[in-house]
Structures are given as structure tokens and as C-alpha cells.
Amino acid sequence: MTKKHAKEMAHLLNTLPKSIRVGPWDVTIEIHEKAIPRTLTVDNAWGCYCPDELHIDLGRVGDIPNKHFFAGTVLHEIMHAMWSISNLKAEGQEEEVVQSLENMFVQVFRDNPEFKKWWSRAVS
């Protein structure tokens, strides 16, 4: 890991809110240096949303390849929270839909900095 990458990741990890509002609920976020200590997820997962606890676990942060991957992982788990809280139904398709949307959201925000600024102003 380069010094620049380490500095960027440290900043992102230190500034990530400990909870976010999703619909009417506050969803807590916890960061783990190693694997996620939950049984709701597959081995070596980067993140996990726990609907019964309204909680997101983010793991293996020392292995994250870059800030875009980390941002995508955070967004991915937030979308799982949105899916669950909205009570959406598409049996067996949630992971595929969330993964596809995560990739698109990251790309749209990364490649459109003016839109990202506009969006931030519009929703604040």
C-alpha cells in the first residue's frame, strides 16, 4: 500500500459516519480491520447488512484495493438496507440487483464530478 493510498483510506475510515438515516430508521455502521464477525454473510465478504439489527458491518478494511472500491462497498451495503427497509421483493435477485446498481452509482459519481457536487447541494 502506498503512503497516498494509506492516507486516503485512513481519512475515509475516520470520516465515515457511525450511522446513516435510511427511510425512517438510523442504520449503524461498524468497521472491522479483519473479517466481519457475523454469521449472516459469506466468508471473506467486504460488508454485511444485518436487517434485524439495522446495522452495517464493513470488514477487511486493510485489504481494500482503493477508495472507489471502499465507496462502492459502503454504497452496496446501504442499498441492501434500502432494499430491506423498503420491503422490496425479488426472491433470489437482491444481490445481483444491488451489485449492478452499486457499480453504476460509483461510476456515475466518479465520472461526473459536477453532477456529484450538484447532487450534494440538492439533497443537503
N, C-alpha and C. Protein backbone atom coordinates (compact mmCIF):
# COMPACT_ATOMS: atom_id res chain seq x y z
N MET A 1 0.85 -1.17 0.00
CA MET A 1 0.00 0.00 0.00
C MET A 1 0.90 1.24 0.00
N THR A 2 0.63 2.14 -0.92
CA THR A 2 1.42 3.37 -0.97
C THR A 2 1.02 4.30 0.17
N LYS A 3 1.88 5.27 0.45
CA LYS A 3 1.56 6.23 1.51
C LYS A 3 0.31 7.02 1.17
N LYS A 4 0.17 7.39 -0.11
CA LYS A 4 -1.01 8.15 -0.53
C LYS A 4 -2.28 7.33 -0.31
N HIS A 5 -2.22 6.07 -0.73
CA HIS A 5 -3.39 5.19 -0.56
C HIS A 5 -3.71 5.02 0.93
N ALA A 6 -2.69 4.79 1.73
CA ALA A 6 -2.90 4.62 3.16
C ALA A 6 -3.52 5.87 3.78
N LYS A 7 -3.06 7.05 3.36
CA LYS A 7 -3.59 8.31 3.88
C LYS A 7 -5.05 8.50 3.46
N GLU A 8 -5.35 8.21 2.18
CA GLU A 8 -6.73 8.34 1.69
C GLU A 8 -7.66 7.40 2.46
N MET A 9 -7.21 6.16 2.63
CA MET A 9 -8.06 5.18 3.31
C MET A 9 -8.25 5.56 4.77
N ALA A 10 -7.21 6.02 5.42
CA ALA A 10 -7.34 6.43 6.82
C ALA A 10 -8.36 7.55 6.95
N HIS A 11 -8.30 8.52 6.03
CA HIS A 11 -9.26 9.63 6.06
C HIS A 11 -10.69 9.12 5.85
N LEU A 12 -10.88 8.25 4.86
CA LEU A 12 -12.22 7.72 4.60
C LEU A 12 -12.75 6.93 5.79
N LEU A 13 -11.90 6.12 6.38
CA LEU A 13 -12.32 5.32 7.53
C LEU A 13 -12.65 6.19 8.73
N ASN A 14 -11.87 7.23 8.93
CA ASN A 14 -12.07 8.10 10.10
C ASN A 14 -13.25 9.05 9.94
N THR A 15 -13.67 9.32 8.71
CA THR A 15 -14.75 10.28 8.49
C THR A 15 -16.08 9.63 8.14
N LEU A 16 -16.10 8.31 7.97
CA LEU A 16 -17.36 7.63 7.68
C LEU A 16 -18.29 7.77 8.88
N PRO A 17 -19.51 8.25 8.68
CA PRO A 17 -20.45 8.39 9.81
C PRO A 17 -20.69 7.04 10.49
N LYS A 18 -20.97 7.09 11.78
CA LYS A 18 -21.24 5.87 12.57
C LYS A 18 -22.67 5.38 12.36
N SER A 19 -23.50 6.22 11.77
CA SER A 19 -24.85 5.81 11.41
C SER A 19 -25.36 6.71 10.30
N ILE A 20 -26.33 6.18 9.55
CA ILE A 20 -26.97 6.97 8.49
C ILE A 20 -28.47 6.72 8.57
N ARG A 21 -29.23 7.69 8.09
CA ARG A 21 -30.69 7.56 8.05
C ARG A 21 -31.05 6.87 6.74
N VAL A 22 -31.79 5.77 6.85
CA VAL A 22 -32.31 5.06 5.68
C VAL A 22 -33.80 4.94 5.89
N GLY A 23 -34.58 5.69 5.09
CA GLY A 23 -36.01 5.75 5.34
C GLY A 23 -36.23 6.35 6.72
N PRO A 24 -37.07 5.72 7.53
CA PRO A 24 -37.33 6.26 8.88
C PRO A 24 -36.35 5.77 9.95
N TRP A 25 -35.36 4.97 9.57
CA TRP A 25 -34.50 4.31 10.55
C TRP A 25 -33.07 4.82 10.51
N ASP A 26 -32.41 4.76 11.66
CA ASP A 26 -30.97 5.01 11.74
C ASP A 26 -30.27 3.66 11.65
N VAL A 27 -29.42 3.52 10.65
CA VAL A 27 -28.65 2.29 10.45
C VAL A 27 -27.23 2.55 10.92
N THR A 28 -26.77 1.75 11.88
CA THR A 28 -25.42 1.93 12.41
C THR A 28 -24.40 1.27 11.48
N ILE A 29 -23.17 1.79 11.53
CA ILE A 29 -22.08 1.29 10.69
C ILE A 29 -20.89 1.01 11.59
N GLU A 30 -20.32 -0.18 11.42
CA GLU A 30 -19.14 -0.56 12.20
C GLU A 30 -18.06 -1.07 11.25
N ILE A 31 -16.84 -0.65 11.50
CA ILE A 31 -15.69 -1.02 10.67
C ILE A 31 -14.83 -2.03 11.41
N HIS A 32 -14.41 -3.07 10.69
CA HIS A 32 -13.55 -4.12 11.25
C HIS A 32 -12.30 -4.25 10.40
N GLU A 33 -11.16 -4.29 11.04
CA GLU A 33 -9.89 -4.45 10.33
C GLU A 33 -9.82 -5.81 9.64
N LYS A 34 -10.34 -6.82 10.28
CA LYS A 34 -10.29 -8.19 9.74
C LYS A 34 -11.66 -8.58 9.21
N ALA A 35 -11.92 -9.86 9.15
CA ALA A 35 -13.19 -10.37 8.64
C ALA A 35 -14.35 -9.92 9.54
N ILE A 36 -15.52 -9.90 8.96
CA ILE A 36 -16.73 -9.49 9.67
C ILE A 36 -17.13 -10.56 10.68
N PRO A 37 -17.38 -10.18 11.92
CA PRO A 37 -17.73 -11.17 12.94
C PRO A 37 -19.23 -11.48 12.96
N ARG A 38 -19.79 -11.78 11.84
CA ARG A 38 -21.23 -12.08 11.75
C ARG A 38 -21.42 -13.40 11.03
N THR A 39 -22.53 -14.03 11.25
CA THR A 39 -22.82 -15.29 10.56
C THR A 39 -23.77 -15.09 9.39
N LEU A 40 -24.22 -13.86 9.16
CA LEU A 40 -25.17 -13.60 8.07
C LEU A 40 -24.50 -13.46 6.71
N THR A 41 -23.20 -13.55 6.65
CA THR A 41 -22.50 -13.25 5.42
C THR A 41 -21.63 -14.42 4.98
N VAL A 42 -21.20 -14.36 3.75
CA VAL A 42 -20.29 -15.38 3.23
C VAL A 42 -18.88 -15.10 3.74
N ASP A 43 -18.05 -16.12 3.72
CA ASP A 43 -16.67 -15.92 4.14
C ASP A 43 -15.98 -14.87 3.30
N ASN A 44 -15.17 -14.07 3.94
CA ASN A 44 -14.35 -13.05 3.27
C ASN A 44 -15.16 -11.94 2.60
N ALA A 45 -16.39 -11.72 3.03
CA ALA A 45 -17.19 -10.63 2.48
C ALA A 45 -16.60 -9.30 2.93
N TRP A 46 -16.77 -8.29 2.12
CA TRP A 46 -16.31 -6.93 2.45
C TRP A 46 -17.32 -6.22 3.34
N GLY A 47 -18.58 -6.61 3.23
CA GLY A 47 -19.61 -5.95 4.01
C GLY A 47 -20.81 -6.84 4.23
N CYS A 48 -21.65 -6.42 5.17
CA CYS A 48 -22.85 -7.18 5.50
C CYS A 48 -23.88 -6.24 6.11
N TYR A 49 -25.11 -6.30 5.63
CA TYR A 49 -26.21 -5.58 6.25
C TYR A 49 -27.01 -6.56 7.09
N CYS A 50 -27.26 -6.23 8.33
CA CYS A 50 -27.98 -7.08 9.26
C CYS A 50 -29.35 -6.46 9.51
N PRO A 51 -30.39 -6.92 8.80
CA PRO A 51 -31.70 -6.25 8.88
C PRO A 51 -32.34 -6.28 10.26
N ASP A 52 -32.15 -7.34 11.02
CA ASP A 52 -32.76 -7.41 12.34
C ASP A 52 -32.17 -6.40 13.31
N GLU A 53 -30.94 -5.95 13.03
CA GLU A 53 -30.26 -5.01 13.91
C GLU A 53 -30.14 -3.61 13.31
N LEU A 54 -30.60 -3.43 12.06
CA LEU A 54 -30.41 -2.17 11.35
C LEU A 54 -28.94 -1.76 11.45
N HIS A 55 -28.06 -2.64 10.99
CA HIS A 55 -26.63 -2.47 11.19
C HIS A 55 -25.84 -2.92 9.96
N ILE A 56 -24.81 -2.14 9.63
CA ILE A 56 -23.90 -2.49 8.54
C ILE A 56 -22.53 -2.78 9.14
N ASP A 57 -21.97 -3.91 8.79
CA ASP A 57 -20.59 -4.25 9.14
C ASP A 57 -19.74 -4.13 7.89
N LEU A 58 -18.60 -3.49 8.01
CA LEU A 58 -17.63 -3.39 6.92
C LEU A 58 -16.35 -4.05 7.41
N GLY A 59 -15.86 -5.03 6.67
CA GLY A 59 -14.70 -5.79 7.12
C GLY A 59 -13.55 -5.78 6.14
N ARG A 60 -12.42 -6.33 6.59
CA ARG A 60 -11.22 -6.47 5.78
C ARG A 60 -10.74 -5.13 5.24
N VAL A 61 -10.90 -4.07 6.02
CA VAL A 61 -10.56 -2.73 5.52
C VAL A 61 -9.08 -2.60 5.20
N GLY A 62 -8.23 -3.41 5.82
CA GLY A 62 -6.81 -3.37 5.49
C GLY A 62 -6.50 -3.92 4.12
N ASP A 63 -7.45 -4.65 3.52
CA ASP A 63 -7.25 -5.25 2.20
C ASP A 63 -7.93 -4.49 1.07
N ILE A 64 -8.57 -3.39 1.38
CA ILE A 64 -9.33 -2.66 0.37
C ILE A 64 -8.38 -2.10 -0.69
N PRO A 65 -8.63 -2.42 -1.97
CA PRO A 65 -7.68 -2.02 -3.02
C PRO A 65 -7.62 -0.52 -3.31
N ASN A 66 -8.74 0.19 -3.19
CA ASN A 66 -8.73 1.62 -3.47
C ASN A 66 -9.99 2.27 -2.89
N LYS A 67 -10.00 3.61 -2.92
CA LYS A 67 -11.11 4.35 -2.31
C LYS A 67 -12.42 4.13 -3.06
N HIS A 68 -12.36 3.93 -4.37
CA HIS A 68 -13.59 3.70 -5.13
C HIS A 68 -14.22 2.37 -4.74
N PHE A 69 -13.38 1.37 -4.52
CA PHE A 69 -13.89 0.07 -4.07
C PHE A 69 -14.55 0.21 -2.71
N PHE A 70 -13.92 0.95 -1.80
CA PHE A 70 -14.49 1.15 -0.47
C PHE A 70 -15.82 1.90 -0.57
N ALA A 71 -15.85 2.97 -1.36
CA ALA A 71 -17.10 3.73 -1.53
C ALA A 71 -18.19 2.83 -2.10
N GLY A 72 -17.83 2.00 -3.05
CA GLY A 72 -18.80 1.07 -3.63
C GLY A 72 -19.32 0.07 -2.61
N THR A 73 -18.43 -0.42 -1.76
CA THR A 73 -18.83 -1.37 -0.72
C THR A 73 -19.80 -0.72 0.26
N VAL A 74 -19.50 0.50 0.68
CA VAL A 74 -20.39 1.22 1.59
C VAL A 74 -21.75 1.42 0.92
N LEU A 75 -21.74 1.89 -0.32
CA LEU A 75 -22.99 2.09 -1.05
C LEU A 75 -23.75 0.78 -1.22
N HIS A 76 -23.03 -0.29 -1.52
CA HIS A 76 -23.63 -1.61 -1.70
C HIS A 76 -24.42 -2.01 -0.45
N GLU A 77 -23.81 -1.86 0.71
CA GLU A 77 -24.49 -2.26 1.94
C GLU A 77 -25.64 -1.31 2.28
N ILE A 78 -25.50 -0.04 1.95
CA ILE A 78 -26.62 0.90 2.13
C ILE A 78 -27.79 0.49 1.24
N MET A 79 -27.50 0.05 0.02
CA MET A 79 -28.58 -0.39 -0.86
C MET A 79 -29.26 -1.65 -0.34
N HIS A 80 -28.51 -2.55 0.31
CA HIS A 80 -29.16 -3.69 0.96
C HIS A 80 -30.11 -3.19 2.05
N ALA A 81 -29.68 -2.19 2.81
CA ALA A 81 -30.55 -1.61 3.84
C ALA A 81 -31.80 -1.00 3.19
N MET A 82 -31.60 -0.27 2.11
CA MET A 82 -32.74 0.33 1.40
C MET A 82 -33.70 -0.74 0.91
N TRP A 83 -33.16 -1.80 0.36
CA TRP A 83 -33.95 -2.92 -0.15
C TRP A 83 -34.81 -3.50 0.98
N SER A 84 -34.17 -3.78 2.10
CA SER A 84 -34.86 -4.40 3.22
C SER A 84 -35.90 -3.47 3.84
N ILE A 85 -35.51 -2.24 4.09
CA ILE A 85 -36.42 -1.28 4.72
C ILE A 85 -37.60 -0.94 3.82
N SER A 86 -37.37 -0.95 2.50
CA SER A 86 -38.45 -0.70 1.54
C SER A 86 -39.33 -1.93 1.33
N ASN A 87 -38.89 -3.05 1.90
CA ASN A 87 -39.62 -4.32 1.77
C ASN A 87 -39.78 -4.75 0.32
N LEU A 88 -38.73 -4.55 -0.47
CA LEU A 88 -38.75 -4.97 -1.86
C LEU A 88 -38.70 -6.49 -1.95
N LYS A 89 -39.32 -7.02 -2.98
CA LYS A 89 -39.35 -8.48 -3.17
C LYS A 89 -38.85 -8.82 -4.58
N ALA A 90 -37.91 -9.67 -4.66
CA ALA A 90 -37.42 -10.24 -5.92
C ALA A 90 -36.56 -11.43 -5.51
N GLU A 91 -37.21 -12.47 -5.10
CA GLU A 91 -36.53 -13.60 -4.48
C GLU A 91 -35.36 -14.10 -5.32
N GLY A 92 -34.22 -14.19 -4.67
CA GLY A 92 -33.02 -14.70 -5.32
C GLY A 92 -32.31 -13.70 -6.21
N GLN A 93 -32.82 -12.47 -6.32
CA GLN A 93 -32.21 -11.48 -7.21
C GLN A 93 -31.64 -10.27 -6.49
N GLU A 94 -31.83 -10.17 -5.20
CA GLU A 94 -31.39 -8.98 -4.47
C GLU A 94 -29.90 -8.70 -4.69
N GLU A 95 -29.04 -9.69 -4.50
CA GLU A 95 -27.60 -9.46 -4.61
C GLU A 95 -27.22 -9.00 -6.02
N GLU A 96 -27.78 -9.60 -7.04
CA GLU A 96 -27.49 -9.22 -8.42
C GLU A 96 -27.92 -7.79 -8.71
N VAL A 97 -29.12 -7.41 -8.27
CA VAL A 97 -29.62 -6.06 -8.49
C VAL A 97 -28.76 -5.04 -7.74
N VAL A 98 -28.48 -5.31 -6.47
CA VAL A 98 -27.69 -4.39 -5.66
C VAL A 98 -26.29 -4.23 -6.24
N GLN A 99 -25.65 -5.32 -6.64
CA GLN A 99 -24.30 -5.25 -7.21
C GLN A 99 -24.29 -4.42 -8.49
N SER A 100 -25.26 -4.62 -9.35
CA SER A 100 -25.33 -3.85 -10.60
C SER A 100 -25.52 -2.36 -10.33
N LEU A 101 -26.43 -2.03 -9.43
CA LEU A 101 -26.69 -0.63 -9.11
C LEU A 101 -25.49 0.01 -8.42
N GLU A 102 -24.82 -0.73 -7.54
CA GLU A 102 -23.62 -0.22 -6.89
C GLU A 102 -22.60 0.22 -7.92
N ASN A 103 -22.32 -0.64 -8.87
CA ASN A 103 -21.33 -0.33 -9.92
C ASN A 103 -21.73 0.92 -10.70
N MET A 104 -23.00 1.04 -11.01
CA MET A 104 -23.46 2.19 -11.78
C MET A 104 -23.39 3.48 -10.97
N PHE A 105 -23.81 3.44 -9.71
CA PHE A 105 -23.73 4.63 -8.86
C PHE A 105 -22.30 5.12 -8.71
N VAL A 106 -21.38 4.19 -8.44
CA VAL A 106 -19.97 4.58 -8.29
C VAL A 106 -19.47 5.22 -9.58
N GLN A 107 -19.78 4.61 -10.71
CA GLN A 107 -19.33 5.15 -12.00
C GLN A 107 -19.93 6.53 -12.26
N VAL A 108 -21.21 6.70 -12.01
CA VAL A 108 -21.87 7.99 -12.27
C VAL A 108 -21.23 9.08 -11.41
N PHE A 109 -21.04 8.82 -10.12
CA PHE A 109 -20.44 9.84 -9.26
C PHE A 109 -18.97 10.07 -9.57
N ARG A 110 -18.24 9.03 -9.91
CA ARG A 110 -16.81 9.17 -10.22
C ARG A 110 -16.60 9.96 -11.51
N ASP A 111 -17.39 9.66 -12.53
CA ASP A 111 -17.18 10.25 -13.84
C ASP A 111 -17.92 11.57 -14.06
N ASN A 112 -18.69 12.00 -13.09
CA ASN A 112 -19.47 13.22 -13.24
C ASN A 112 -19.32 14.11 -12.00
N PRO A 113 -18.12 14.69 -11.81
CA PRO A 113 -17.90 15.46 -10.59
C PRO A 113 -18.84 16.66 -10.44
N GLU A 114 -19.23 17.29 -11.54
CA GLU A 114 -20.17 18.41 -11.43
C GLU A 114 -21.54 17.94 -10.97
N PHE A 115 -21.96 16.79 -11.48
CA PHE A 115 -23.23 16.23 -11.02
C PHE A 115 -23.14 15.86 -9.54
N LYS A 116 -22.01 15.29 -9.13
CA LYS A 116 -21.83 14.91 -7.73
C LYS A 116 -21.96 16.14 -6.83
N LYS A 117 -21.32 17.26 -7.22
CA LYS A 117 -21.44 18.49 -6.45
C LYS A 117 -22.89 18.97 -6.41
N TRP A 118 -23.53 18.95 -7.58
CA TRP A 118 -24.93 19.37 -7.67
C TRP A 118 -25.80 18.50 -6.77
N TRP A 119 -25.62 17.19 -6.85
CA TRP A 119 -26.40 16.26 -6.06
C TRP A 119 -26.23 16.52 -4.57
N SER A 120 -25.00 16.76 -4.16
CA SER A 120 -24.71 17.02 -2.76
C SER A 120 -25.44 18.28 -2.29
N ARG A 121 -25.44 19.31 -3.12
CA ARG A 121 -26.15 20.55 -2.76
C ARG A 121 -27.66 20.31 -2.77
N ALA A 122 -28.16 19.56 -3.74
CA ALA A 122 -29.59 19.36 -3.91
C ALA A 122 -30.20 18.57 -2.75
N VAL A 123 -29.45 17.64 -2.19
CA VAL A 123 -30.03 16.80 -1.14
C VAL A 123 -29.66 17.24 0.27
N SER A 124 -28.87 18.33 0.39
CA SER A 124 -28.50 18.78 1.73
C SER A 124 -29.48 19.78 2.28
